[in-house]
Amino acid sequence: MTQALYERAGGAERIRAVLTDFYEAVFADLMIGFLFKGSDKARLIEQELALTLRALGADVPYTGRPLAEVHARHPILGGHFMRRRKLLADAMARHALPDDVREAWLAHTDALRSSITPDRDNECDAPGAAARVRAVRGDS
């Protein structure tokens, strides 16, 4: 029987360690940290842990809200998404995860892009972001 990717990664505790390291970097990051201001870091880690474990083959429930709903109120640009992806890749490298695990985890992250940002590329869309903020606030 083939070992699931989450097992090859070292199991839930090792993935939690990667996510803890990752979110420390995210919250401190000058480019995207502001998007997480006021967020509950421990809750984010646990919700992302469930999503990641599922993506890597574990049979665990995800009890969070739909990602598109959670992220709709934030003006997340394509560049923000890619910066987050880079910080995640860096955390995985620091924890020396196997290449196939890193590739699968990043592919899962990439597959969620449309639930995180409407930006299809990595260019800044300042007018689009401003319009999304106005829509969330109910401004005219």
C-alpha atoms as a PDB file:
ATOM      1  CA  MET A   1       0.000   0.000   0.000  1.00  0.00           C
ATOM      2  CA  THR A   2       1.295   3.443  -0.919  1.00  0.00           C
ATOM      3  CA  GLN A   3       2.006   5.816   1.936  1.00  0.00           C
ATOM      4  CA  ALA A   4      -0.174   8.954   1.887  1.00  0.00           C
ATOM      5  CA  LEU A   5       1.596  12.251   1.318  1.00  0.00           C
ATOM      6  CA  TYR A   6       0.697  13.545   4.786  1.00  0.00           C
ATOM      7  CA  GLU A   7       2.445  10.492   6.260  1.00  0.00           C
ATOM      8  CA  ARG A   8       5.491  11.084   4.028  1.00  0.00           C
ATOM      9  CA  ALA A   9       5.514  14.652   5.376  1.00  0.00           C
ATOM     10  CA  GLY A  10       5.815  13.312   8.920  1.00  0.00           C
ATOM     11  CA  GLY A  11       2.168  13.389   9.931  1.00  0.00           C
ATOM     12  CA  ALA A  12      -0.114  16.027  11.368  1.00  0.00           C
ATOM     13  CA  GLU A  13       2.310  17.340  13.975  1.00  0.00           C
ATOM     14  CA  ARG A  14       5.056  17.973  11.437  1.00  0.00           C
ATOM     15  CA  ILE A  15       2.597  19.710   9.106  1.00  0.00           C
ATOM     16  CA  ARG A  16       1.379  21.791  12.057  1.00  0.00           C
ATOM     17  CA  ALA A  17       5.014  22.788  12.728  1.00  0.00           C
ATOM     18  CA  VAL A  18       5.416  23.893   9.101  1.00  0.00           C
ATOM     19  CA  LEU A  19       2.188  25.897   9.304  1.00  0.00           C
ATOM     20  CA  THR A  20       3.199  27.498  12.611  1.00  0.00           C
ATOM     21  CA  ASP A  21       6.516  28.572  11.089  1.00  0.00           C
ATOM     22  CA  PHE A  22       4.709  29.740   7.950  1.00  0.00           C
ATOM     23  CA  TYR A  23       2.143  31.852   9.811  1.00  0.00           C
ATOM     24  CA  GLU A  24       4.864  33.437  11.946  1.00  0.00           C
ATOM     25  CA  ALA A  25       6.436  34.605   8.685  1.00  0.00           C
ATOM     26  CA  VAL A  26       3.084  35.691   7.204  1.00  0.00           C
ATOM     27  CA  PHE A  27       2.053  37.800  10.200  1.00  0.00           C
ATOM     28  CA  ALA A  28       5.480  39.514  10.230  1.00  0.00           C
ATOM     29  CA  ASP A  29       5.691  40.040   6.463  1.00  0.00           C
ATOM     30  CA  LEU A  30       5.701  43.638   5.211  1.00  0.00           C
ATOM     31  CA  MET A  31       3.877  42.764   1.982  1.00  0.00           C
ATOM     32  CA  ILE A  32       0.988  40.700   3.338  1.00  0.00           C
ATOM     33  CA  GLY A  33       1.084  40.828   7.133  1.00  0.00           C
ATOM     34  CA  PHE A  34      -1.437  43.687   7.204  1.00  0.00           C
ATOM     35  CA  LEU A  35      -4.050  41.403   5.631  1.00  0.00           C
ATOM     36  CA  PHE A  36      -3.887  39.210   8.750  1.00  0.00           C
ATOM     37  CA  LYS A  37      -4.102  42.001  11.329  1.00  0.00           C
ATOM     38  CA  GLY A  38      -6.609  41.028  13.990  1.00  0.00           C
ATOM     39  CA  SER A  39      -6.759  37.408  12.819  1.00  0.00           C
ATOM     40  CA  ASP A  40      -6.575  34.525  15.262  1.00  0.00           C
ATOM     41  CA  LYS A  41      -3.288  32.869  14.288  1.00  0.00           C
ATOM     42  CA  ALA A  42      -3.961  29.648  16.203  1.00  0.00           C
ATOM     43  CA  ARG A  43      -7.364  29.249  14.516  1.00  0.00           C
ATOM     44  CA  LEU A  44      -5.862  29.910  11.073  1.00  0.00           C
ATOM     45  CA  ILE A  45      -3.240  27.245  11.689  1.00  0.00           C
ATOM     46  CA  GLU A  46      -5.860  24.679  12.728  1.00  0.00           C
ATOM     47  CA  GLN A  47      -8.153  25.439   9.782  1.00  0.00           C
ATOM     48  CA  GLU A  48      -5.263  25.329   7.312  1.00  0.00           C
ATOM     49  CA  LEU A  49      -4.018  22.132   8.950  1.00  0.00           C
ATOM     50  CA  ALA A  50      -7.331  20.417   8.184  1.00  0.00           C
ATOM     51  CA  LEU A  51      -7.315  21.666   4.577  1.00  0.00           C
ATOM     52  CA  THR A  52      -3.715  20.588   4.072  1.00  0.00           C
ATOM     53  CA  LEU A  53      -4.139  17.173   5.651  1.00  0.00           C
ATOM     54  CA  ARG A  54      -7.151  16.527   3.417  1.00  0.00           C
ATOM     55  CA  ALA A  55      -5.205  17.657   0.344  1.00  0.00           C
ATOM     56  CA  LEU A  56      -2.360  15.321   1.291  1.00  0.00           C
ATOM     57  CA  GLY A  57      -4.594  12.284   1.719  1.00  0.00           C
ATOM     58  CA  ALA A  58      -5.763  12.288   5.343  1.00  0.00           C
ATOM     59  CA  ASP A  59      -9.377  11.539   6.173  1.00  0.00           C
ATOM     60  CA  VAL A  60     -10.073  14.552   8.402  1.00  0.00           C
ATOM     61  CA  PRO A  61     -12.983  16.993   8.337  1.00  0.00           C
ATOM     62  CA  TYR A  62     -12.675  20.670   7.401  1.00  0.00           C
ATOM     63  CA  THR A  63     -15.117  22.635   9.559  1.00  0.00           C
ATOM     64  CA  GLY A  64     -14.278  26.159   8.412  1.00  0.00           C
ATOM     65  CA  ARG A  65     -16.343  28.427   6.227  1.00  0.00           C
ATOM     66  CA  PRO A  66     -15.959  28.235   2.440  1.00  0.00           C
ATOM     67  CA  LEU A  67     -12.712  29.926   1.393  1.00  0.00           C
ATOM     68  CA  ALA A  68     -14.359  32.231  -1.146  1.00  0.00           C
ATOM     69  CA  GLU A  69     -16.668  33.544   1.591  1.00  0.00           C
ATOM     70  CA  VAL A  70     -13.809  34.060   4.046  1.00  0.00           C
ATOM     71  CA  HIS A  71     -11.606  35.913   1.584  1.00  0.00           C
ATOM     72  CA  ALA A  72     -14.287  37.963  -0.226  1.00  0.00           C
ATOM     73  CA  ARG A  73     -14.024  40.883   2.199  1.00  0.00           C
ATOM     74  CA  HIS A  74     -10.275  41.285   1.699  1.00  0.00           C
ATOM     75  CA  PRO A  75      -8.668  43.151  -1.234  1.00  0.00           C
ATOM     76  CA  ILE A  76      -6.235  40.305  -1.989  1.00  0.00           C
ATOM     77  CA  LEU A  77      -4.231  40.869  -5.150  1.00  0.00           C
ATOM     78  CA  GLY A  78      -2.407  38.320  -7.260  1.00  0.00           C
ATOM     79  CA  GLY A  79       0.914  39.548  -5.883  1.00  0.00           C
ATOM     80  CA  HIS A  80      -0.326  38.995  -2.326  1.00  0.00           C
ATOM     81  CA  PHE A  81      -1.293  35.449  -3.244  1.00  0.00           C
ATOM     82  CA  MET A  82       2.123  34.762  -4.729  1.00  0.00           C
ATOM     83  CA  ARG A  83       3.924  36.261  -1.728  1.00  0.00           C
ATOM     84  CA  ARG A  84       1.943  33.951   0.577  1.00  0.00           C
ATOM     85  CA  ARG A  85       2.813  31.021  -1.707  1.00  0.00           C
ATOM     86  CA  LYS A  86       6.516  31.937  -1.528  1.00  0.00           C
ATOM     87  CA  LEU A  87       6.425  32.105   2.283  1.00  0.00           C
ATOM     88  CA  LEU A  88       4.750  28.695   2.343  1.00  0.00           C
ATOM     89  CA  ALA A  89       7.364  27.207  -0.001  1.00  0.00           C
ATOM     90  CA  ASP A  90      10.109  28.685   2.181  1.00  0.00           C
ATOM     91  CA  ALA A  91       8.587  27.150   5.335  1.00  0.00           C
ATOM     92  CA  MET A  92       8.322  23.754   3.655  1.00  0.00           C
ATOM     93  CA  ALA A  93      11.970  23.989   2.579  1.00  0.00           C
ATOM     94  CA  ARG A  94      13.103  24.943   6.100  1.00  0.00           C
ATOM     95  CA  HIS A  95      11.354  21.826   7.397  1.00  0.00           C
ATOM     96  CA  ALA A  96      12.914  19.706   4.637  1.00  0.00           C
ATOM     97  CA  LEU A  97       9.656  18.175   3.431  1.00  0.00           C
ATOM     98  CA  PRO A  98      10.038  15.640   0.613  1.00  0.00           C
ATOM     99  CA  ASP A  99       9.815  17.143  -2.878  1.00  0.00           C
ATOM    100  CA  ASP A 100       6.632  15.251  -3.786  1.00  0.00           C
ATOM    101  CA  VAL A 101       4.907  16.565  -0.657  1.00  0.00           C
ATOM    102  CA  ARG A 102       5.979  20.144  -1.391  1.00  0.00           C
ATOM    103  CA  GLU A 103       4.821  19.868  -5.002  1.00  0.00           C
ATOM    104  CA  ALA A 104       1.422  18.454  -4.002  1.00  0.00           C
ATOM    105  CA  TRP A 105       0.934  21.063  -1.265  1.00  0.00           C
ATOM    106  CA  LEU A 106       1.800  23.932  -3.607  1.00  0.00           C
ATOM    107  CA  ALA A 107      -0.435  22.481  -6.334  1.00  0.00           C
ATOM    108  CA  HIS A 108      -3.281  22.383  -3.791  1.00  0.00           C
ATOM    109  CA  THR A 109      -2.541  26.007  -2.864  1.00  0.00           C
ATOM    110  CA  ASP A 110      -2.549  27.017  -6.531  1.00  0.00           C
ATOM    111  CA  ALA A 111      -5.871  25.232  -7.082  1.00  0.00           C
ATOM    112  CA  LEU A 112      -7.439  27.416  -4.369  1.00  0.00           C
ATOM    113  CA  ARG A 113      -6.329  30.687  -5.988  1.00  0.00           C
ATOM    114  CA  SER A 114      -9.739  31.561  -7.459  1.00  0.00           C
ATOM    115  CA  SER A 115     -11.272  31.242  -3.969  1.00  0.00           C
ATOM    116  CA  ILE A 116      -8.703  33.686  -2.570  1.00  0.00           C
ATOM    117  CA  THR A 117      -8.363  36.386  -5.230  1.00  0.00           C
ATOM    118  CA  PRO A 118     -10.150  37.250  -8.460  1.00  0.00           C
ATOM    119  CA  ASP A 119      -6.783  38.309  -9.931  1.00  0.00           C
ATOM    120  CA  ARG A 120      -5.697  35.812 -12.560  1.00  0.00           C
ATOM    121  CA  ASP A 121      -2.137  37.039 -12.785  1.00  0.00           C
ATOM    122  CA  ASN A 122       0.383  38.563 -10.419  1.00  0.00           C
ATOM    123  CA  GLU A 123       0.135  42.169 -11.526  1.00  0.00           C
ATOM    124  CA  CYS A 124      -1.290  44.717  -9.143  1.00  0.00           C
ATOM    125  CA  ASP A 125      -4.852  45.682  -9.993  1.00  0.00           C
ATOM    126  CA  ALA A 126      -5.241  48.729  -7.769  1.00  0.00           C
ATOM    127  CA  PRO A 127      -8.545  49.897  -9.355  1.00  0.00           C
ATOM    128  CA  GLY A 128      -9.988  46.374  -9.073  1.00  0.00           C
ATOM    129  CA  ALA A 129      -8.878  46.067  -5.448  1.00  0.00           C
ATOM    130  CA  ALA A 130     -10.328  49.499  -4.630  1.00  0.00           C
ATOM    131  CA  ALA A 131     -13.633  48.485  -6.220  1.00  0.00           C
ATOM    132  CA  ARG A 132     -13.710  45.275  -4.160  1.00  0.00           C
ATOM    133  CA  VAL A 133     -13.061  47.231  -0.949  1.00  0.00           C
ATOM    134  CA  ARG A 134     -15.851  49.698  -1.813  1.00  0.00           C
ATOM    135  CA  ALA A 135     -18.235  46.807  -2.533  1.00  0.00           C
ATOM    136  CA  VAL A 136     -17.426  45.106   0.784  1.00  0.00           C
ATOM    137  CA  ARG A 137     -17.920  48.362   2.693  1.00  0.00           C
ATOM    138  CA  GLY A 138     -21.098  49.173   0.814  1.00  0.00           C
ATOM    139  CA  ASP A 139     -19.643  52.428  -0.510  1.00  0.00           C
ATOM    140  CA  SER A 140     -21.014  53.923  -3.695  1.00  0.00           C
END
